[in-house]
Amino acid sequence: MAYSLEPVSQDCYPGTTVLVNKLNIRDEATLNEAEALITYINASKLEYCPLEGVFDFTHYKAIHHFLFSELYDWAGQVRKVNISKKATCFCRPERIETQAQLIFQRLKERDCFKGLSHHDFVDEIVDFYCVTNMLHPFREGNGRTQRAFLAQLIRNAGYDINWAEVDGDLLMIATIQAAQGVTDLLRSVFQESVREGVF
């Protein structure tokens, strides 16, 4: 949970940075392990049975809820605290809903990127990845939600991606660079990872 928070560790047990959770785990390493296991299982379920939705912000939040509701009461809810990570400051909580409306309205207007050439599709996915990363609407679990949503969005458009084949360290570096406005590496990652769908 490598977020920087201001100024109080909201949603955490008193005197700690451990998020209050339904399992009442008070140790951060133990919580991280439980969270990783639970969300891995739930993400695997989504691979075989995608969550129905129309690729709007409600759909996005529903995926977060599906992944994290066994752990957190606030799963699927927009965060109420400012967060930053590796010198990247994410969207302020009071602006999340407004920004999300713009992001997902554009997605709707672009027909969820269906019918695009691979080159144009990758460009759109890179842009969508960047804006949803900067939105970072949840207290925790933004990357996992983003990847689950993107997998479903990509397949809906006739392409495919296997996140297990994506180098996680490379994606992290590309994401950090993209947050600073340099998207070349991120585009390269998606260019290689997004393929014609096999159905």
N, C-alpha and C. Protein backbone atom coordinates (compact mmCIF):
# COMPACT_ATOMS: atom_id res chain seq x y z
N MET A 1 0.85 -1.18 0.00
CA MET A 1 0.00 0.00 0.00
C MET A 1 0.89 1.24 0.00
N ALA A 2 1.58 1.45 -1.08
CA ALA A 2 2.61 2.48 -1.13
C ALA A 2 2.05 3.84 -1.54
N TYR A 3 0.92 4.23 -0.96
CA TYR A 3 0.36 5.54 -1.23
C TYR A 3 0.80 6.53 -0.17
N SER A 4 0.92 7.79 -0.57
CA SER A 4 1.12 8.87 0.39
C SER A 4 -0.24 9.52 0.60
N LEU A 5 -0.58 9.76 1.86
CA LEU A 5 -1.90 10.29 2.18
C LEU A 5 -1.75 11.60 2.92
N GLU A 6 -2.81 12.40 2.86
CA GLU A 6 -2.78 13.63 3.61
C GLU A 6 -4.01 13.75 4.47
N PRO A 7 -3.93 14.34 5.65
CA PRO A 7 -2.77 14.23 6.51
C PRO A 7 -2.95 13.06 7.45
N VAL A 8 -4.20 12.52 7.47
CA VAL A 8 -4.54 11.42 8.37
C VAL A 8 -4.70 10.15 7.54
N SER A 9 -4.31 9.04 8.09
CA SER A 9 -4.48 7.77 7.39
C SER A 9 -5.95 7.34 7.48
N GLN A 10 -6.77 7.94 6.65
CA GLN A 10 -8.20 7.66 6.65
C GLN A 10 -8.45 6.20 6.30
N ASP A 11 -9.47 5.63 6.91
CA ASP A 11 -9.88 4.24 6.68
C ASP A 11 -8.87 3.23 7.23
N CYS A 12 -7.94 3.67 8.07
CA CYS A 12 -6.94 2.77 8.65
C CYS A 12 -7.19 2.58 10.14
N TYR A 13 -6.66 1.47 10.68
CA TYR A 13 -6.73 1.27 12.12
C TYR A 13 -5.92 2.38 12.81
N PRO A 14 -6.38 2.85 13.95
CA PRO A 14 -5.69 3.95 14.63
C PRO A 14 -4.20 3.69 14.82
N GLY A 15 -3.40 4.70 14.48
CA GLY A 15 -1.97 4.62 14.67
C GLY A 15 -1.24 3.73 13.67
N THR A 16 -1.94 3.31 12.61
CA THR A 16 -1.32 2.44 11.61
C THR A 16 -1.66 2.94 10.20
N THR A 17 -1.05 2.31 9.20
CA THR A 17 -1.43 2.54 7.81
C THR A 17 -2.12 1.30 7.24
N VAL A 18 -2.61 0.44 8.14
CA VAL A 18 -3.31 -0.77 7.73
C VAL A 18 -4.79 -0.45 7.54
N LEU A 19 -5.29 -0.70 6.36
CA LEU A 19 -6.68 -0.39 6.06
C LEU A 19 -7.63 -1.25 6.90
N VAL A 20 -8.66 -0.62 7.45
CA VAL A 20 -9.69 -1.37 8.16
C VAL A 20 -10.30 -2.36 7.18
N ASN A 21 -10.38 -3.61 7.58
CA ASN A 21 -10.85 -4.66 6.67
C ASN A 21 -11.78 -5.62 7.38
N LYS A 22 -12.56 -6.34 6.58
CA LYS A 22 -13.57 -7.25 7.12
C LYS A 22 -12.97 -8.46 7.82
N LEU A 23 -11.71 -8.77 7.53
CA LEU A 23 -11.03 -9.89 8.18
C LEU A 23 -10.33 -9.47 9.47
N ASN A 24 -10.39 -8.17 9.75
CA ASN A 24 -9.77 -7.58 10.94
C ASN A 24 -8.28 -7.90 11.03
N ILE A 25 -7.62 -7.91 9.89
CA ILE A 25 -6.17 -8.11 9.84
C ILE A 25 -5.50 -6.79 10.20
N ARG A 26 -4.60 -6.83 11.16
CA ARG A 26 -3.96 -5.60 11.64
C ARG A 26 -2.52 -5.46 11.18
N ASP A 27 -2.00 -6.48 10.50
CA ASP A 27 -0.62 -6.46 10.02
C ASP A 27 -0.62 -6.19 8.51
N GLU A 28 0.15 -5.19 8.08
CA GLU A 28 0.10 -4.77 6.67
C GLU A 28 0.56 -5.86 5.71
N ALA A 29 1.62 -6.58 6.05
CA ALA A 29 2.11 -7.65 5.17
C ALA A 29 1.07 -8.76 5.03
N THR A 30 0.45 -9.11 6.14
CA THR A 30 -0.58 -10.15 6.12
C THR A 30 -1.79 -9.71 5.30
N LEU A 31 -2.17 -8.45 5.45
CA LEU A 31 -3.29 -7.91 4.67
C LEU A 31 -2.95 -7.91 3.18
N ASN A 32 -1.73 -7.52 2.86
CA ASN A 32 -1.32 -7.52 1.45
C ASN A 32 -1.42 -8.92 0.85
N GLU A 33 -1.00 -9.92 1.62
CA GLU A 33 -1.07 -11.31 1.14
C GLU A 33 -2.52 -11.74 0.93
N ALA A 34 -3.37 -11.44 1.90
CA ALA A 34 -4.79 -11.81 1.80
C ALA A 34 -5.45 -11.09 0.63
N GLU A 35 -5.13 -9.82 0.49
CA GLU A 35 -5.69 -9.02 -0.60
C GLU A 35 -5.26 -9.56 -1.96
N ALA A 36 -3.98 -9.90 -2.07
CA ALA A 36 -3.46 -10.43 -3.33
C ALA A 36 -4.17 -11.73 -3.71
N LEU A 37 -4.35 -12.60 -2.73
CA LEU A 37 -5.00 -13.90 -3.00
C LEU A 37 -6.46 -13.73 -3.37
N ILE A 38 -7.19 -12.94 -2.58
CA ILE A 38 -8.62 -12.76 -2.83
C ILE A 38 -8.86 -12.09 -4.17
N THR A 39 -8.10 -11.06 -4.47
CA THR A 39 -8.34 -10.36 -5.74
C THR A 39 -7.86 -11.18 -6.93
N TYR A 40 -6.84 -12.02 -6.74
CA TYR A 40 -6.42 -12.91 -7.82
C TYR A 40 -7.54 -13.90 -8.16
N ILE A 41 -8.14 -14.47 -7.13
CA ILE A 41 -9.25 -15.41 -7.35
C ILE A 41 -10.42 -14.71 -8.04
N ASN A 42 -10.77 -13.53 -7.56
CA ASN A 42 -11.90 -12.82 -8.13
C ASN A 42 -11.61 -12.34 -9.56
N ALA A 43 -10.38 -11.90 -9.81
CA ALA A 43 -10.01 -11.49 -11.17
C ALA A 43 -10.06 -12.69 -12.12
N SER A 44 -9.67 -13.85 -11.62
CA SER A 44 -9.73 -15.07 -12.43
C SER A 44 -11.17 -15.41 -12.78
N LYS A 45 -12.08 -15.19 -11.85
CA LYS A 45 -13.50 -15.41 -12.12
C LYS A 45 -13.99 -14.48 -13.24
N LEU A 46 -13.51 -13.24 -13.21
CA LEU A 46 -13.92 -12.29 -14.24
C LEU A 46 -13.42 -12.67 -15.63
N GLU A 47 -12.29 -13.39 -15.67
CA GLU A 47 -11.77 -13.85 -16.97
C GLU A 47 -12.77 -14.78 -17.65
N TYR A 48 -13.44 -15.61 -16.85
CA TYR A 48 -14.36 -16.61 -17.40
C TYR A 48 -15.80 -16.12 -17.43
N CYS A 49 -16.12 -15.19 -16.57
CA CYS A 49 -17.48 -14.69 -16.50
C CYS A 49 -17.45 -13.18 -16.26
N PRO A 50 -17.23 -12.40 -17.34
CA PRO A 50 -17.11 -10.94 -17.19
C PRO A 50 -18.36 -10.33 -16.56
N LEU A 51 -18.14 -9.28 -15.82
CA LEU A 51 -19.25 -8.57 -15.18
C LEU A 51 -20.02 -7.79 -16.23
N GLU A 52 -21.32 -7.98 -16.26
CA GLU A 52 -22.14 -7.27 -17.25
C GLU A 52 -22.17 -5.79 -16.94
N GLY A 53 -22.17 -5.00 -18.00
CA GLY A 53 -22.21 -3.55 -17.86
C GLY A 53 -22.07 -2.90 -19.21
N VAL A 54 -22.14 -1.58 -19.22
CA VAL A 54 -22.08 -0.84 -20.49
C VAL A 54 -20.79 0.00 -20.58
N PHE A 55 -19.78 -0.40 -19.83
CA PHE A 55 -18.48 0.26 -19.87
C PHE A 55 -18.56 1.74 -19.49
N ASP A 56 -19.39 2.01 -18.48
CA ASP A 56 -19.45 3.34 -17.91
C ASP A 56 -18.79 3.32 -16.53
N PHE A 57 -18.86 4.43 -15.81
CA PHE A 57 -18.20 4.50 -14.51
C PHE A 57 -18.88 3.57 -13.50
N THR A 58 -20.18 3.38 -13.64
CA THR A 58 -20.89 2.43 -12.78
C THR A 58 -20.33 1.02 -12.97
N HIS A 59 -20.07 0.66 -14.20
CA HIS A 59 -19.47 -0.64 -14.53
C HIS A 59 -18.07 -0.75 -13.91
N TYR A 60 -17.30 0.32 -14.03
CA TYR A 60 -15.94 0.36 -13.49
C TYR A 60 -15.96 0.15 -11.97
N LYS A 61 -16.88 0.86 -11.31
CA LYS A 61 -16.99 0.73 -9.85
C LYS A 61 -17.49 -0.66 -9.45
N ALA A 62 -18.35 -1.24 -10.28
CA ALA A 62 -18.86 -2.58 -9.98
C ALA A 62 -17.74 -3.62 -10.04
N ILE A 63 -16.80 -3.44 -10.94
CA ILE A 63 -15.65 -4.35 -11.02
C ILE A 63 -14.80 -4.22 -9.76
N HIS A 64 -14.57 -3.00 -9.30
CA HIS A 64 -13.83 -2.80 -8.06
C HIS A 64 -14.55 -3.48 -6.89
N HIS A 65 -15.86 -3.33 -6.84
CA HIS A 65 -16.65 -3.96 -5.79
C HIS A 65 -16.52 -5.47 -5.84
N PHE A 66 -16.58 -6.04 -7.04
CA PHE A 66 -16.46 -7.49 -7.20
C PHE A 66 -15.10 -7.98 -6.70
N LEU A 67 -14.06 -7.24 -7.02
CA LEU A 67 -12.70 -7.65 -6.64
C LEU A 67 -12.44 -7.52 -5.14
N PHE A 68 -13.00 -6.49 -4.51
CA PHE A 68 -12.57 -6.13 -3.15
C PHE A 68 -13.65 -6.21 -2.08
N SER A 69 -14.89 -6.55 -2.42
CA SER A 69 -15.97 -6.48 -1.43
C SER A 69 -15.81 -7.47 -0.27
N GLU A 70 -15.04 -8.53 -0.47
CA GLU A 70 -14.81 -9.47 0.63
C GLU A 70 -13.87 -8.89 1.68
N LEU A 71 -13.18 -7.81 1.31
CA LEU A 71 -12.19 -7.21 2.21
C LEU A 71 -12.61 -5.87 2.80
N TYR A 72 -13.24 -5.03 1.97
CA TYR A 72 -13.46 -3.64 2.39
C TYR A 72 -14.92 -3.22 2.24
N ASP A 73 -15.43 -2.54 3.25
CA ASP A 73 -16.80 -2.01 3.19
C ASP A 73 -16.96 -0.97 2.08
N TRP A 74 -15.88 -0.28 1.75
CA TRP A 74 -15.95 0.81 0.77
C TRP A 74 -15.64 0.34 -0.65
N ALA A 75 -15.60 -0.96 -0.87
CA ALA A 75 -15.34 -1.48 -2.22
C ALA A 75 -16.37 -0.92 -3.20
N GLY A 76 -15.89 -0.42 -4.33
CA GLY A 76 -16.77 0.14 -5.35
C GLY A 76 -17.15 1.60 -5.11
N GLN A 77 -16.64 2.18 -4.03
CA GLN A 77 -16.97 3.57 -3.71
C GLN A 77 -15.78 4.48 -4.00
N VAL A 78 -16.10 5.68 -4.44
CA VAL A 78 -15.06 6.67 -4.74
C VAL A 78 -14.36 7.09 -3.44
N ARG A 79 -13.05 7.20 -3.50
CA ARG A 79 -12.27 7.59 -2.30
C ARG A 79 -12.59 9.02 -1.87
N LYS A 80 -12.29 9.29 -0.61
CA LYS A 80 -12.55 10.62 -0.03
C LYS A 80 -11.28 11.28 0.47
N VAL A 81 -10.14 10.70 0.12
CA VAL A 81 -8.86 11.21 0.59
C VAL A 81 -7.94 11.41 -0.61
N ASN A 82 -7.07 12.41 -0.51
CA ASN A 82 -6.07 12.63 -1.55
C ASN A 82 -4.99 11.56 -1.45
N ILE A 83 -4.56 11.06 -2.59
CA ILE A 83 -3.47 10.09 -2.60
C ILE A 83 -2.46 10.43 -3.70
N SER A 84 -1.23 10.02 -3.45
CA SER A 84 -0.17 10.16 -4.45
C SER A 84 0.72 8.93 -4.37
N LYS A 85 1.47 8.71 -5.44
CA LYS A 85 2.34 7.53 -5.49
C LYS A 85 3.51 7.83 -6.40
N LYS A 86 4.71 7.59 -5.90
CA LYS A 86 5.92 7.81 -6.68
C LYS A 86 5.90 9.18 -7.36
N ALA A 87 5.62 10.22 -6.60
CA ALA A 87 5.62 11.62 -7.03
C ALA A 87 4.47 11.96 -7.98
N THR A 88 3.53 11.05 -8.17
CA THR A 88 2.36 11.32 -9.00
C THR A 88 1.17 11.63 -8.09
N CYS A 89 0.60 12.82 -8.25
CA CYS A 89 -0.60 13.19 -7.50
C CYS A 89 -1.82 12.89 -8.35
N PHE A 90 -2.73 12.09 -7.80
CA PHE A 90 -3.90 11.68 -8.55
C PHE A 90 -5.04 12.68 -8.36
N CYS A 91 -6.10 12.49 -9.13
CA CYS A 91 -7.26 13.37 -9.12
C CYS A 91 -7.75 13.62 -7.69
N ARG A 92 -8.05 14.87 -7.39
CA ARG A 92 -8.59 15.19 -6.07
C ARG A 92 -9.97 14.55 -5.93
N PRO A 93 -10.31 14.05 -4.75
CA PRO A 93 -11.55 13.28 -4.58
C PRO A 93 -12.81 14.04 -4.99
N GLU A 94 -12.83 15.35 -4.76
CA GLU A 94 -14.03 16.12 -5.09
C GLU A 94 -14.22 16.28 -6.60
N ARG A 95 -13.21 15.94 -7.39
CA ARG A 95 -13.31 16.07 -8.85
C ARG A 95 -13.45 14.72 -9.56
N ILE A 96 -13.40 13.63 -8.81
CA ILE A 96 -13.41 12.31 -9.44
C ILE A 96 -14.67 12.06 -10.26
N GLU A 97 -15.83 12.31 -9.70
CA GLU A 97 -17.08 12.02 -10.41
C GLU A 97 -17.18 12.84 -11.70
N THR A 98 -16.81 14.12 -11.64
CA THR A 98 -16.87 14.98 -12.83
C THR A 98 -15.90 14.50 -13.89
N GLN A 99 -14.67 14.19 -13.49
CA GLN A 99 -13.68 13.70 -14.45
C GLN A 99 -14.09 12.36 -15.03
N ALA A 100 -14.62 11.50 -14.18
CA ALA A 100 -15.06 10.18 -14.66
C ALA A 100 -16.17 10.32 -15.69
N GLN A 101 -17.07 11.25 -15.47
CA GLN A 101 -18.16 11.46 -16.43
C GLN A 101 -17.59 11.83 -17.81
N LEU A 102 -16.59 12.68 -17.83
CA LEU A 102 -15.96 13.08 -19.10
C LEU A 102 -15.25 11.89 -19.76
N ILE A 103 -14.51 11.13 -18.96
CA ILE A 103 -13.75 10.00 -19.49
C ILE A 103 -14.67 8.95 -20.09
N PHE A 104 -15.70 8.59 -19.36
CA PHE A 104 -16.57 7.50 -19.81
C PHE A 104 -17.59 7.96 -20.86
N GLN A 105 -17.88 9.26 -20.88
CA GLN A 105 -18.71 9.78 -21.96
C GLN A 105 -17.96 9.70 -23.29
N ARG A 106 -16.67 10.02 -23.25
CA ARG A 106 -15.87 9.91 -24.47
C ARG A 106 -15.79 8.46 -24.94
N LEU A 107 -15.64 7.55 -23.99
CA LEU A 107 -15.60 6.13 -24.33
C LEU A 107 -16.89 5.71 -25.03
N LYS A 108 -18.02 6.18 -24.51
CA LYS A 108 -19.31 5.88 -25.12
C LYS A 108 -19.40 6.48 -26.52
N GLU A 109 -18.98 7.74 -26.66
CA GLU A 109 -19.03 8.40 -27.96
C GLU A 109 -18.15 7.72 -29.00
N ARG A 110 -17.08 7.10 -28.54
CA ARG A 110 -16.16 6.38 -29.44
C ARG A 110 -16.58 4.92 -29.59
N ASP A 111 -17.80 4.58 -29.16
CA ASP A 111 -18.36 3.23 -29.28
C ASP A 111 -17.42 2.18 -28.69
N CYS A 112 -16.85 2.52 -27.55
CA CYS A 112 -15.94 1.62 -26.83
C CYS A 112 -14.80 1.13 -27.72
N PHE A 113 -14.40 1.97 -28.65
CA PHE A 113 -13.24 1.74 -29.54
C PHE A 113 -13.42 0.56 -30.49
N LYS A 114 -14.66 0.21 -30.75
CA LYS A 114 -14.91 -0.89 -31.68
C LYS A 114 -14.68 -0.45 -33.13
N GLY A 115 -14.23 -1.40 -33.95
CA GLY A 115 -14.07 -1.15 -35.38
C GLY A 115 -12.81 -0.40 -35.77
N LEU A 116 -11.87 -0.26 -34.85
CA LEU A 116 -10.63 0.47 -35.14
C LEU A 116 -9.53 -0.48 -35.60
N SER A 117 -8.62 0.05 -36.40
CA SER A 117 -7.42 -0.70 -36.75
C SER A 117 -6.60 -0.93 -35.49
N HIS A 118 -5.69 -1.89 -35.53
CA HIS A 118 -4.87 -2.18 -34.35
C HIS A 118 -4.12 -0.94 -33.90
N HIS A 119 -3.54 -0.20 -34.83
CA HIS A 119 -2.78 1.01 -34.51
C HIS A 119 -3.64 2.03 -33.79
N ASP A 120 -4.82 2.32 -34.35
CA ASP A 120 -5.70 3.32 -33.75
C ASP A 120 -6.27 2.82 -32.42
N PHE A 121 -6.56 1.53 -32.36
CA PHE A 121 -7.09 0.95 -31.13
C PHE A 121 -6.07 1.09 -30.00
N VAL A 122 -4.83 0.76 -30.27
CA VAL A 122 -3.78 0.88 -29.25
C VAL A 122 -3.66 2.33 -28.79
N ASP A 123 -3.72 3.28 -29.72
CA ASP A 123 -3.67 4.69 -29.33
C ASP A 123 -4.78 5.04 -28.35
N GLU A 124 -5.99 4.55 -28.63
CA GLU A 124 -7.13 4.85 -27.75
C GLU A 124 -6.96 4.17 -26.39
N ILE A 125 -6.49 2.94 -26.38
CA ILE A 125 -6.30 2.22 -25.11
C ILE A 125 -5.22 2.90 -24.27
N VAL A 126 -4.15 3.35 -24.90
CA VAL A 126 -3.10 4.06 -24.16
C VAL A 126 -3.68 5.32 -23.52
N ASP A 127 -4.46 6.07 -24.28
CA ASP A 127 -5.06 7.29 -23.74
C ASP A 127 -6.01 6.97 -22.59
N PHE A 128 -6.85 5.96 -22.78
CA PHE A 128 -7.80 5.58 -21.74
C PHE A 128 -7.07 5.10 -20.49
N TYR A 129 -6.02 4.33 -20.68
CA TYR A 129 -5.21 3.85 -19.55
C TYR A 129 -4.65 5.04 -18.77
N CYS A 130 -4.13 6.01 -19.49
CA CYS A 130 -3.52 7.17 -18.83
C CYS A 130 -4.53 7.97 -18.02
N VAL A 131 -5.70 8.23 -18.61
CA VAL A 131 -6.67 9.08 -17.91
C VAL A 131 -7.31 8.34 -16.73
N THR A 132 -7.53 7.03 -16.87
CA THR A 132 -8.10 6.30 -15.72
C THR A 132 -7.05 6.12 -14.63
N ASN A 133 -5.78 6.02 -15.02
CA ASN A 133 -4.72 5.95 -14.00
C ASN A 133 -4.67 7.26 -13.20
N MET A 134 -4.74 8.39 -13.88
CA MET A 134 -4.70 9.67 -13.17
C MET A 134 -5.98 9.90 -12.36
N LEU A 135 -7.09 9.31 -12.79
CA LEU A 135 -8.33 9.40 -12.02
C LEU A 135 -8.17 8.68 -10.68
N HIS A 136 -7.62 7.46 -10.72
CA HIS A 136 -7.35 6.68 -9.50
C HIS A 136 -8.49 6.82 -8.50
N PRO A 137 -9.68 6.36 -8.86
CA PRO A 137 -10.87 6.72 -8.07
C PRO A 137 -11.02 6.02 -6.72
N PHE A 138 -10.23 4.99 -6.47
CA PHE A 138 -10.46 4.19 -5.26
C PHE A 138 -9.33 4.35 -4.24
N ARG A 139 -9.67 4.06 -3.01
CA ARG A 139 -8.71 4.16 -1.90
C ARG A 139 -7.56 3.17 -2.07
N GLU A 140 -7.85 2.03 -2.68
CA GLU A 140 -6.86 0.98 -2.93
C GLU A 140 -7.41 0.12 -4.06
N GLY A 141 -6.52 -0.52 -4.82
CA GLY A 141 -6.95 -1.47 -5.84
C GLY A 141 -7.22 -0.86 -7.22
N ASN A 142 -6.66 0.30 -7.48
CA ASN A 142 -6.92 0.96 -8.76
C ASN A 142 -6.34 0.21 -9.95
N GLY A 143 -5.10 -0.25 -9.83
CA GLY A 143 -4.47 -0.95 -10.95
C GLY A 143 -5.17 -2.25 -11.29
N ARG A 144 -5.55 -3.01 -10.27
CA ARG A 144 -6.22 -4.29 -10.52
C ARG A 144 -7.59 -4.07 -11.17
N THR A 145 -8.30 -3.04 -10.71
CA THR A 145 -9.59 -2.72 -11.32
C THR A 145 -9.41 -2.27 -12.76
N GLN A 146 -8.43 -1.43 -12.98
CA GLN A 146 -8.16 -0.93 -14.32
C GLN A 146 -7.83 -2.07 -15.28
N ARG A 147 -7.00 -3.00 -14.86
CA ARG A 147 -6.63 -4.12 -15.74
C ARG A 147 -7.82 -5.02 -16.03
N ALA A 148 -8.65 -5.30 -15.01
CA ALA A 148 -9.83 -6.14 -15.23
C ALA A 148 -10.82 -5.46 -16.18
N PHE A 149 -11.03 -4.17 -15.99
CA PHE A 149 -11.94 -3.43 -16.87
C PHE A 149 -11.38 -3.38 -18.29
N LEU A 150 -10.09 -3.10 -18.42
CA LEU A 150 -9.47 -3.01 -19.74
C LEU A 150 -9.53 -4.34 -20.49
N ALA A 151 -9.31 -5.43 -19.79
CA ALA A 151 -9.38 -6.75 -20.44
C ALA A 151 -10.76 -6.95 -21.04
N GLN A 152 -11.79 -6.59 -20.29
CA GLN A 152 -13.16 -6.75 -20.78
C GLN A 152 -13.43 -5.78 -21.93
N LEU A 153 -12.97 -4.55 -21.81
CA LEU A 153 -13.16 -3.54 -22.86
C LEU A 153 -12.45 -3.95 -24.15
N ILE A 154 -11.22 -4.43 -24.01
CA ILE A 154 -10.43 -4.84 -25.17
C ILE A 154 -11.09 -6.01 -25.89
N ARG A 155 -11.58 -6.98 -25.14
CA ARG A 155 -12.24 -8.14 -25.76
C ARG A 155 -13.57 -7.75 -26.40
N ASN A 156 -14.26 -6.80 -25.79
CA ASN A 156 -15.52 -6.32 -26.35
C ASN A 156 -15.31 -5.69 -27.73
N ALA A 157 -14.12 -5.16 -27.95
CA ALA A 157 -13.81 -4.50 -29.23
C ALA A 157 -13.20 -5.46 -30.25
N GLY A 158 -13.10 -6.75 -29.90
CA GLY A 158 -12.60 -7.73 -30.86
C GLY A 158 -11.12 -8.00 -30.78
N TYR A 159 -10.46 -7.44 -29.77
CA TYR A 159 -9.04 -7.70 -29.54
C TYR A 159 -8.89 -8.53 -28.27
N ASP A 160 -7.67 -8.77 -27.86
CA ASP A 160 -7.45 -9.55 -26.65
C ASP A 160 -6.16 -9.10 -25.99
N ILE A 161 -6.07 -9.36 -24.69
CA ILE A 161 -4.84 -9.10 -23.93
C ILE A 161 -4.76 -10.14 -22.82
N ASN A 162 -3.56 -10.61 -22.57
CA ASN A 162 -3.31 -11.53 -21.46
C ASN A 162 -2.35 -10.83 -20.51
N TRP A 163 -2.90 -10.32 -19.41
CA TRP A 163 -2.07 -9.55 -18.48
C TRP A 163 -0.94 -10.39 -17.88
N ALA A 164 -1.13 -11.70 -17.82
CA ALA A 164 -0.08 -12.57 -17.28
C ALA A 164 1.18 -12.54 -18.13
N GLU A 165 1.03 -12.18 -19.40
CA GLU A 165 2.18 -12.12 -20.30
C GLU A 165 2.83 -10.74 -20.33
N VAL A 166 2.23 -9.78 -19.66
CA VAL A 166 2.77 -8.42 -19.62
C VAL A 166 3.77 -8.31 -18.48
N ASP A 167 4.94 -7.80 -18.76
CA ASP A 167 5.97 -7.59 -17.75
C ASP A 167 5.50 -6.51 -16.78
N GLY A 168 5.21 -6.91 -15.55
CA GLY A 168 4.67 -5.98 -14.56
C GLY A 168 5.60 -4.83 -14.23
N ASP A 169 6.89 -5.11 -14.15
CA ASP A 169 7.86 -4.05 -13.85
C ASP A 169 7.92 -3.04 -14.99
N LEU A 170 7.90 -3.56 -16.22
CA LEU A 170 7.94 -2.69 -17.39
C LEU A 170 6.68 -1.83 -17.45
N LEU A 171 5.54 -2.44 -17.15
CA LEU A 171 4.28 -1.69 -17.15
C LEU A 171 4.31 -0.59 -16.09
N MET A 172 4.89 -0.89 -14.92
CA MET A 172 4.98 0.11 -13.86
C MET A 172 5.84 1.30 -14.31
N ILE A 173 6.98 1.00 -14.91
CA ILE A 173 7.85 2.07 -15.41
C ILE A 173 7.13 2.88 -16.47
N ALA A 174 6.45 2.19 -17.39
CA ALA A 174 5.71 2.87 -18.46
C ALA A 174 4.60 3.75 -17.90
N THR A 175 3.94 3.27 -16.84
CA THR A 175 2.86 4.02 -16.21
C THR A 175 3.40 5.28 -15.54
N ILE A 176 4.53 5.16 -14.86
CA ILE A 176 5.15 6.32 -14.21
C ILE A 176 5.56 7.35 -15.26
N GLN A 177 6.16 6.88 -16.35
CA GLN A 177 6.56 7.79 -17.43
C GLN A 177 5.34 8.48 -18.04
N ALA A 178 4.27 7.70 -18.25
CA ALA A 178 3.06 8.25 -18.85
C ALA A 178 2.44 9.32 -17.96
N ALA A 179 2.53 9.14 -16.64
CA ALA A 179 2.01 10.14 -15.71
C ALA A 179 2.76 11.45 -15.83
N GLN A 180 3.99 11.38 -16.36
CA GLN A 180 4.79 12.58 -16.58
C GLN A 180 4.68 13.07 -18.03
N GLY A 181 3.78 12.44 -18.79
CA GLY A 181 3.52 12.90 -20.16
C GLY A 181 4.28 12.19 -21.26
N VAL A 182 5.05 11.15 -20.91
CA VAL A 182 5.83 10.42 -21.92
C VAL A 182 5.21 9.03 -22.08
N THR A 183 4.54 8.79 -23.20
CA THR A 183 3.76 7.56 -23.37
C THR A 183 4.38 6.56 -24.34
N ASP A 184 5.60 6.81 -24.82
CA ASP A 184 6.21 5.92 -25.81
C ASP A 184 6.32 4.48 -25.31
N LEU A 185 6.84 4.30 -24.11
CA LEU A 185 7.02 2.95 -23.57
C LEU A 185 5.66 2.28 -23.33
N LEU A 186 4.71 3.02 -22.81
CA LEU A 186 3.38 2.46 -22.57
C LEU A 186 2.74 2.02 -23.88
N ARG A 187 2.90 2.82 -24.91
CA ARG A 187 2.34 2.45 -26.21
C ARG A 187 3.01 1.18 -26.73
N SER A 188 4.32 1.08 -26.52
CA SER A 188 5.05 -0.12 -26.95
C SER A 188 4.53 -1.36 -26.22
N VAL A 189 4.25 -1.22 -24.93
CA VAL A 189 3.73 -2.35 -24.14
C VAL A 189 2.39 -2.81 -24.70
N PHE A 190 1.49 -1.87 -24.97
CA PHE A 190 0.18 -2.24 -25.50
C PHE A 190 0.26 -2.70 -26.96
N GLN A 191 1.15 -2.10 -27.70
CA GLN A 191 1.32 -2.52 -29.09
C GLN A 191 1.66 -4.01 -29.17
N GLU A 192 2.49 -4.45 -28.25
CA GLU A 192 2.91 -5.84 -28.24
C GLU A 192 1.88 -6.75 -27.57
N SER A 193 1.15 -6.23 -26.59
CA SER A 193 0.28 -7.08 -25.78
C SER A 193 -1.13 -7.23 -26.34
N VAL A 194 -1.62 -6.19 -27.01
CA VAL A 194 -2.97 -6.26 -27.57
C VAL A 194 -2.93 -6.98 -28.90
N ARG A 195 -3.72 -8.03 -29.00
CA ARG A 195 -3.71 -8.87 -30.21
C ARG A 195 -5.11 -9.02 -30.76
N GLU A 196 -5.18 -9.49 -31.97
CA GLU A 196 -6.48 -9.82 -32.55
C GLU A 196 -7.13 -10.88 -31.66
N GLY A 197 -8.42 -10.69 -31.39
CA GLY A 197 -9.12 -11.61 -30.50
C GLY A 197 -9.26 -13.01 -31.07
N VAL A 198 -9.21 -13.98 -30.19
CA VAL A 198 -9.44 -15.37 -30.56
C VAL A 198 -10.67 -15.83 -29.78
N PHE A 199 -11.79 -16.02 -30.50
CA PHE A 199 -13.04 -16.34 -29.81
C PHE A 199 -13.60 -17.66 -30.30
